[in-house]
Amino acid sequence: MTEFLDAGLQLLDRQVVDSRGTALGKIDDLLFAEGDEGGPPVLAAVLIGQRAFADRLGGRAARWWADLAERLSGRQGPIAVPVAAIDDVGTVVRLASPAEAFPSLTAPERWLRHRLISRLPGGMRESD
């Protein structure tokens, strides 16, 4: 049981960055797989995205948040990043590859940039 607690304390709500340091989101939940021959579960992936966050909330607020997240992003379910893709866990969780290797992580950012940020005055400055 302490392994679950340790994984939760070490990973939940940590910022995820790619190999170049670009922020991709925060870890909202964890996905465990069955262990070998009745052994303890093994961490398989970290879950990122509003749907994963909604699943942690529970209740009516979670259903509302999940519905909204699905409508805005056009995807169902959270984004799973395999543990094998994690390079380092420190104050941030660094992935071994650049953001382009994780298109499902960068898609919501592109959608927000196109639909919202670009419409704000100064939202698409070259210096950003």
N, C-alpha and C. Protein backbone atom coordinates (compact mmCIF):
# COMPACT_ATOMS: atom_id res chain seq x y z
N MET A 1 0.82 -1.20 0.00
CA MET A 1 0.00 0.00 0.00
C MET A 1 0.86 1.27 0.00
N THR A 2 2.03 1.20 0.61
CA THR A 2 2.87 2.40 0.65
C THR A 2 3.39 2.78 -0.73
N GLU A 3 3.49 1.78 -1.65
CA GLU A 3 3.95 2.11 -3.00
C GLU A 3 2.96 3.04 -3.69
N PHE A 4 1.64 2.79 -3.49
CA PHE A 4 0.63 3.67 -4.07
C PHE A 4 0.76 5.07 -3.51
N LEU A 5 0.92 5.15 -2.21
CA LEU A 5 1.03 6.44 -1.55
C LEU A 5 2.26 7.19 -2.06
N ASP A 6 3.39 6.48 -2.14
CA ASP A 6 4.61 7.12 -2.62
C ASP A 6 4.46 7.62 -4.05
N ALA A 7 3.87 6.82 -4.92
CA ALA A 7 3.67 7.24 -6.31
C ALA A 7 2.78 8.47 -6.36
N GLY A 8 1.72 8.48 -5.58
CA GLY A 8 0.82 9.63 -5.54
C GLY A 8 1.53 10.88 -5.06
N LEU A 9 2.29 10.76 -3.99
CA LEU A 9 3.01 11.92 -3.45
C LEU A 9 4.08 12.42 -4.39
N GLN A 10 4.75 11.50 -5.08
CA GLN A 10 5.85 11.89 -5.96
C GLN A 10 5.41 12.42 -7.31
N LEU A 11 4.21 12.03 -7.77
CA LEU A 11 3.84 12.35 -9.14
C LEU A 11 2.61 13.24 -9.31
N LEU A 12 1.58 13.04 -8.52
CA LEU A 12 0.34 13.80 -8.74
C LEU A 12 0.58 15.30 -8.65
N ASP A 13 -0.01 16.03 -9.59
CA ASP A 13 0.05 17.49 -9.68
C ASP A 13 1.43 18.04 -10.02
N ARG A 14 2.35 17.18 -10.45
CA ARG A 14 3.65 17.67 -10.91
C ARG A 14 3.53 18.14 -12.35
N GLN A 15 4.28 19.17 -12.67
CA GLN A 15 4.34 19.68 -14.04
C GLN A 15 5.11 18.70 -14.90
N VAL A 16 4.61 18.43 -16.10
CA VAL A 16 5.29 17.56 -17.07
C VAL A 16 5.90 18.46 -18.14
N VAL A 17 7.18 18.24 -18.41
CA VAL A 17 7.87 19.00 -19.46
C VAL A 17 8.50 18.01 -20.42
N ASP A 18 8.68 18.45 -21.67
CA ASP A 18 9.34 17.59 -22.65
C ASP A 18 10.85 17.69 -22.47
N SER A 19 11.61 17.06 -23.35
CA SER A 19 13.07 17.04 -23.22
C SER A 19 13.70 18.42 -23.37
N ARG A 20 12.96 19.36 -23.96
CA ARG A 20 13.46 20.74 -24.13
C ARG A 20 13.00 21.67 -23.02
N GLY A 21 12.15 21.16 -22.11
CA GLY A 21 11.65 21.98 -21.01
C GLY A 21 10.32 22.65 -21.28
N THR A 22 9.67 22.31 -22.39
CA THR A 22 8.36 22.88 -22.72
C THR A 22 7.29 22.24 -21.84
N ALA A 23 6.51 23.06 -21.16
CA ALA A 23 5.45 22.56 -20.29
C ALA A 23 4.34 21.92 -21.11
N LEU A 24 3.92 20.71 -20.70
CA LEU A 24 2.89 19.97 -21.43
C LEU A 24 1.63 19.76 -20.60
N GLY A 25 1.66 20.05 -19.34
CA GLY A 25 0.51 19.86 -18.47
C GLY A 25 0.95 19.31 -17.13
N LYS A 26 -0.02 18.98 -16.30
CA LYS A 26 0.27 18.42 -14.99
C LYS A 26 -0.29 17.01 -14.90
N ILE A 27 0.33 16.20 -14.07
CA ILE A 27 -0.14 14.83 -13.87
C ILE A 27 -1.39 14.89 -13.02
N ASP A 28 -2.49 14.41 -13.58
CA ASP A 28 -3.78 14.47 -12.89
C ASP A 28 -4.19 13.15 -12.27
N ASP A 29 -3.63 12.04 -12.72
CA ASP A 29 -4.00 10.74 -12.17
C ASP A 29 -2.93 9.73 -12.58
N LEU A 30 -3.01 8.54 -12.01
CA LEU A 30 -2.06 7.48 -12.29
C LEU A 30 -2.80 6.25 -12.79
N LEU A 31 -2.17 5.49 -13.67
CA LEU A 31 -2.75 4.26 -14.19
C LEU A 31 -1.85 3.10 -13.80
N PHE A 32 -2.42 2.14 -13.08
CA PHE A 32 -1.66 0.98 -12.64
C PHE A 32 -2.08 -0.25 -13.44
N ALA A 33 -1.15 -1.16 -13.65
CA ALA A 33 -1.41 -2.44 -14.32
C ALA A 33 -1.19 -3.55 -13.30
N GLU A 34 -1.76 -4.72 -13.59
CA GLU A 34 -1.57 -5.86 -12.69
C GLU A 34 -0.11 -6.23 -12.61
N GLY A 35 0.32 -6.59 -11.40
CA GLY A 35 1.69 -7.04 -11.20
C GLY A 35 1.85 -8.48 -11.64
N ASP A 36 3.06 -8.95 -11.63
CA ASP A 36 3.35 -10.33 -12.03
C ASP A 36 2.86 -11.32 -10.98
N GLU A 37 2.15 -12.34 -11.42
CA GLU A 37 1.71 -13.46 -10.59
C GLU A 37 1.21 -13.04 -9.22
N GLY A 38 0.21 -12.19 -9.21
CA GLY A 38 -0.40 -11.79 -7.95
C GLY A 38 0.40 -10.77 -7.17
N GLY A 39 1.44 -10.25 -7.75
CA GLY A 39 2.25 -9.23 -7.07
C GLY A 39 1.51 -7.91 -7.04
N PRO A 40 2.09 -6.92 -6.43
CA PRO A 40 1.43 -5.61 -6.35
C PRO A 40 1.30 -4.97 -7.72
N PRO A 41 0.31 -4.11 -7.89
CA PRO A 41 0.16 -3.40 -9.17
C PRO A 41 1.41 -2.58 -9.49
N VAL A 42 1.62 -2.37 -10.77
CA VAL A 42 2.79 -1.64 -11.27
C VAL A 42 2.31 -0.39 -11.98
N LEU A 43 2.99 0.73 -11.74
CA LEU A 43 2.63 1.97 -12.43
C LEU A 43 2.90 1.82 -13.92
N ALA A 44 1.85 1.97 -14.73
CA ALA A 44 1.97 1.80 -16.18
C ALA A 44 2.08 3.13 -16.91
N ALA A 45 1.33 4.14 -16.44
CA ALA A 45 1.30 5.43 -17.13
C ALA A 45 0.85 6.53 -16.17
N VAL A 46 1.20 7.75 -16.53
CA VAL A 46 0.65 8.91 -15.84
C VAL A 46 -0.42 9.49 -16.76
N LEU A 47 -1.48 9.99 -16.17
CA LEU A 47 -2.60 10.52 -16.95
C LEU A 47 -2.62 12.04 -16.84
N ILE A 48 -2.77 12.67 -17.99
CA ILE A 48 -2.74 14.13 -18.09
C ILE A 48 -4.00 14.59 -18.79
N GLY A 49 -4.50 15.72 -18.40
CA GLY A 49 -5.64 16.30 -19.10
C GLY A 49 -6.83 16.52 -18.18
N GLN A 50 -7.75 17.31 -18.69
CA GLN A 50 -8.92 17.68 -17.89
C GLN A 50 -9.80 16.48 -17.56
N ARG A 51 -9.85 15.48 -18.44
CA ARG A 51 -10.65 14.29 -18.15
C ARG A 51 -10.08 13.52 -16.96
N ALA A 52 -8.76 13.40 -16.89
CA ALA A 52 -8.12 12.73 -15.76
C ALA A 52 -8.38 13.51 -14.47
N PHE A 53 -8.33 14.82 -14.56
CA PHE A 53 -8.63 15.66 -13.40
C PHE A 53 -10.08 15.46 -12.95
N ALA A 54 -10.98 15.42 -13.90
CA ALA A 54 -12.40 15.21 -13.57
C ALA A 54 -12.62 13.87 -12.89
N ASP A 55 -11.92 12.85 -13.36
CA ASP A 55 -12.05 11.53 -12.75
C ASP A 55 -11.60 11.54 -11.29
N ARG A 56 -10.64 12.38 -10.96
CA ARG A 56 -10.20 12.51 -9.56
C ARG A 56 -11.22 13.23 -8.71
N LEU A 57 -11.97 14.16 -9.30
CA LEU A 57 -12.95 14.94 -8.54
C LEU A 57 -14.07 14.08 -7.99
N GLY A 58 -14.70 13.32 -8.86
CA GLY A 58 -15.84 12.49 -8.47
C GLY A 58 -17.12 13.31 -8.36
N GLY A 59 -18.25 12.62 -8.39
CA GLY A 59 -19.55 13.24 -8.20
C GLY A 59 -20.04 14.05 -9.39
N ARG A 60 -21.00 14.92 -9.11
CA ARG A 60 -21.65 15.74 -10.14
C ARG A 60 -20.67 16.71 -10.79
N ALA A 61 -19.80 17.30 -9.98
CA ALA A 61 -18.81 18.23 -10.52
C ALA A 61 -17.91 17.54 -11.53
N ALA A 62 -17.56 16.30 -11.26
CA ALA A 62 -16.69 15.55 -12.17
C ALA A 62 -17.38 15.29 -13.50
N ARG A 63 -18.65 14.92 -13.45
CA ARG A 63 -19.39 14.66 -14.70
C ARG A 63 -19.48 15.94 -15.53
N TRP A 64 -19.78 17.05 -14.88
CA TRP A 64 -19.88 18.33 -15.58
C TRP A 64 -18.52 18.70 -16.20
N TRP A 65 -17.45 18.57 -15.41
CA TRP A 65 -16.11 18.93 -15.87
C TRP A 65 -15.68 18.03 -17.03
N ALA A 66 -15.96 16.72 -16.92
CA ALA A 66 -15.58 15.77 -17.97
C ALA A 66 -16.32 16.08 -19.27
N ASP A 67 -17.62 16.38 -19.16
CA ASP A 67 -18.40 16.73 -20.36
C ASP A 67 -17.84 17.97 -21.03
N LEU A 68 -17.53 18.98 -20.23
CA LEU A 68 -16.96 20.21 -20.77
C LEU A 68 -15.61 19.95 -21.43
N ALA A 69 -14.75 19.19 -20.77
CA ALA A 69 -13.43 18.89 -21.31
C ALA A 69 -13.53 18.13 -22.63
N GLU A 70 -14.47 17.20 -22.71
CA GLU A 70 -14.63 16.43 -23.95
C GLU A 70 -15.14 17.30 -25.09
N ARG A 71 -16.05 18.22 -24.77
CA ARG A 71 -16.56 19.12 -25.82
C ARG A 71 -15.48 20.05 -26.32
N LEU A 72 -14.66 20.57 -25.41
CA LEU A 72 -13.64 21.52 -25.82
C LEU A 72 -12.47 20.87 -26.54
N SER A 73 -12.07 19.69 -26.09
CA SER A 73 -10.89 19.06 -26.68
C SER A 73 -11.22 18.12 -27.83
N GLY A 74 -12.46 17.64 -27.89
CA GLY A 74 -12.85 16.71 -28.94
C GLY A 74 -12.35 15.29 -28.71
N ARG A 75 -11.83 15.01 -27.54
CA ARG A 75 -11.35 13.66 -27.26
C ARG A 75 -12.01 13.12 -26.00
N GLN A 76 -12.15 11.83 -25.96
CA GLN A 76 -12.72 11.18 -24.79
C GLN A 76 -11.59 10.53 -24.01
N GLY A 77 -11.63 10.68 -22.74
CA GLY A 77 -10.64 10.04 -21.88
C GLY A 77 -9.40 10.87 -21.71
N PRO A 78 -8.62 10.53 -20.70
CA PRO A 78 -7.37 11.26 -20.44
C PRO A 78 -6.26 10.87 -21.39
N ILE A 79 -5.18 11.60 -21.36
CA ILE A 79 -4.00 11.32 -22.17
C ILE A 79 -3.05 10.50 -21.29
N ALA A 80 -2.71 9.29 -21.74
CA ALA A 80 -1.83 8.41 -20.98
C ALA A 80 -0.41 8.52 -21.51
N VAL A 81 0.52 8.84 -20.63
CA VAL A 81 1.94 8.89 -20.98
C VAL A 81 2.61 7.69 -20.31
N PRO A 82 3.13 6.75 -21.08
CA PRO A 82 3.75 5.56 -20.48
C PRO A 82 4.92 5.92 -19.57
N VAL A 83 5.09 5.15 -18.53
CA VAL A 83 6.18 5.38 -17.59
C VAL A 83 7.52 5.30 -18.31
N ALA A 84 7.63 4.47 -19.33
CA ALA A 84 8.88 4.33 -20.09
C ALA A 84 9.28 5.64 -20.78
N ALA A 85 8.32 6.56 -20.98
CA ALA A 85 8.62 7.83 -21.64
C ALA A 85 9.17 8.87 -20.67
N ILE A 86 9.15 8.57 -19.37
CA ILE A 86 9.63 9.52 -18.36
C ILE A 86 11.13 9.35 -18.19
N ASP A 87 11.84 10.48 -18.30
CA ASP A 87 13.29 10.48 -18.18
C ASP A 87 13.74 10.77 -16.75
N ASP A 88 13.06 11.70 -16.07
CA ASP A 88 13.49 12.11 -14.73
C ASP A 88 12.30 12.63 -13.93
N VAL A 89 12.28 12.34 -12.66
CA VAL A 89 11.26 12.87 -11.75
C VAL A 89 11.98 13.71 -10.71
N GLY A 90 11.70 15.00 -10.74
CA GLY A 90 12.26 15.93 -9.78
C GLY A 90 11.18 16.92 -9.41
N THR A 91 11.51 18.20 -9.40
CA THR A 91 10.47 19.20 -9.16
C THR A 91 9.48 19.22 -10.30
N VAL A 92 9.93 18.77 -11.48
CA VAL A 92 9.06 18.54 -12.63
C VAL A 92 9.30 17.12 -13.12
N VAL A 93 8.38 16.60 -13.91
CA VAL A 93 8.55 15.29 -14.53
C VAL A 93 8.98 15.54 -15.96
N ARG A 94 10.22 15.15 -16.26
CA ARG A 94 10.79 15.40 -17.59
C ARG A 94 10.65 14.16 -18.45
N LEU A 95 10.11 14.37 -19.66
CA LEU A 95 9.98 13.27 -20.61
C LEU A 95 11.26 13.14 -21.42
N ALA A 96 11.51 11.96 -21.95
CA ALA A 96 12.74 11.68 -22.68
C ALA A 96 12.75 12.26 -24.09
N SER A 97 11.59 12.66 -24.61
CA SER A 97 11.47 13.12 -25.99
C SER A 97 10.88 14.53 -26.05
N PRO A 98 11.02 15.20 -27.21
CA PRO A 98 10.39 16.51 -27.37
C PRO A 98 8.87 16.37 -27.51
N ALA A 99 8.18 17.47 -27.38
CA ALA A 99 6.71 17.50 -27.40
C ALA A 99 6.13 16.89 -28.66
N GLU A 100 6.82 17.03 -29.79
CA GLU A 100 6.31 16.50 -31.05
C GLU A 100 6.12 14.99 -31.01
N ALA A 101 6.82 14.30 -30.14
CA ALA A 101 6.69 12.85 -30.02
C ALA A 101 5.40 12.46 -29.29
N PHE A 102 4.72 13.44 -28.72
CA PHE A 102 3.48 13.21 -27.97
C PHE A 102 2.37 14.09 -28.54
N PRO A 103 1.89 13.79 -29.74
CA PRO A 103 0.91 14.67 -30.38
C PRO A 103 -0.38 14.83 -29.57
N SER A 104 -0.77 13.83 -28.81
CA SER A 104 -1.99 13.98 -28.01
C SER A 104 -1.81 14.98 -26.88
N LEU A 105 -0.58 15.22 -26.45
CA LEU A 105 -0.33 16.22 -25.42
C LEU A 105 -0.32 17.63 -25.99
N THR A 106 0.15 17.76 -27.21
CA THR A 106 0.27 19.10 -27.79
C THR A 106 -1.01 19.54 -28.50
N ALA A 107 -1.92 18.62 -28.81
CA ALA A 107 -3.15 18.97 -29.52
C ALA A 107 -4.02 19.96 -28.74
N PRO A 108 -4.27 19.76 -27.44
CA PRO A 108 -5.07 20.74 -26.71
C PRO A 108 -4.43 22.13 -26.70
N GLU A 109 -3.10 22.17 -26.60
CA GLU A 109 -2.41 23.46 -26.61
C GLU A 109 -2.60 24.15 -27.96
N ARG A 110 -2.49 23.40 -29.07
CA ARG A 110 -2.70 23.99 -30.40
C ARG A 110 -4.13 24.50 -30.52
N TRP A 111 -5.10 23.72 -30.02
CA TRP A 111 -6.50 24.12 -30.09
C TRP A 111 -6.71 25.42 -29.32
N LEU A 112 -6.19 25.50 -28.10
CA LEU A 112 -6.33 26.73 -27.30
C LEU A 112 -5.66 27.91 -27.98
N ARG A 113 -4.47 27.69 -28.54
CA ARG A 113 -3.75 28.78 -29.20
C ARG A 113 -4.54 29.29 -30.40
N HIS A 114 -5.11 28.38 -31.18
CA HIS A 114 -5.86 28.77 -32.38
C HIS A 114 -7.21 29.40 -32.05
N ARG A 115 -7.95 28.79 -31.15
CA ARG A 115 -9.31 29.22 -30.85
C ARG A 115 -9.43 30.35 -29.85
N LEU A 116 -8.48 30.48 -28.94
CA LEU A 116 -8.62 31.47 -27.88
C LEU A 116 -7.49 32.48 -27.86
N ILE A 117 -6.27 32.01 -27.70
CA ILE A 117 -5.12 32.91 -27.52
C ILE A 117 -4.93 33.83 -28.72
N SER A 118 -5.08 33.30 -29.94
CA SER A 118 -4.86 34.11 -31.13
C SER A 118 -5.86 35.25 -31.25
N ARG A 119 -6.99 35.14 -30.58
CA ARG A 119 -8.01 36.20 -30.66
C ARG A 119 -7.81 37.30 -29.63
N LEU A 120 -6.92 37.08 -28.68
CA LEU A 120 -6.65 38.10 -27.67
C LEU A 120 -5.64 39.10 -28.20
N PRO A 121 -5.79 40.38 -27.87
CA PRO A 121 -4.81 41.37 -28.32
C PRO A 121 -3.42 41.01 -27.81
N GLY A 122 -2.46 40.89 -28.71
CA GLY A 122 -1.09 40.55 -28.34
C GLY A 122 -0.90 39.07 -28.03
N GLY A 123 -1.91 38.27 -28.26
CA GLY A 123 -1.85 36.86 -27.91
C GLY A 123 -0.88 36.03 -28.73
N MET A 124 -0.54 36.46 -29.92
CA MET A 124 0.35 35.68 -30.77
C MET A 124 1.63 36.45 -31.10
N ARG A 125 2.18 37.13 -30.12
CA ARG A 125 3.43 37.87 -30.35
C ARG A 125 4.55 36.91 -30.62
N GLU A 126 5.47 37.30 -31.45
CA GLU A 126 6.62 36.48 -31.80
C GLU A 126 7.52 36.23 -30.62
N SER A 127 7.54 37.13 -29.63
CA SER A 127 8.42 36.97 -28.49
C SER A 127 7.98 35.87 -27.55
N ASP A 128 6.74 35.37 -27.73
CA ASP A 128 6.23 34.32 -26.83
C ASP A 128 6.75 32.99 -27.20
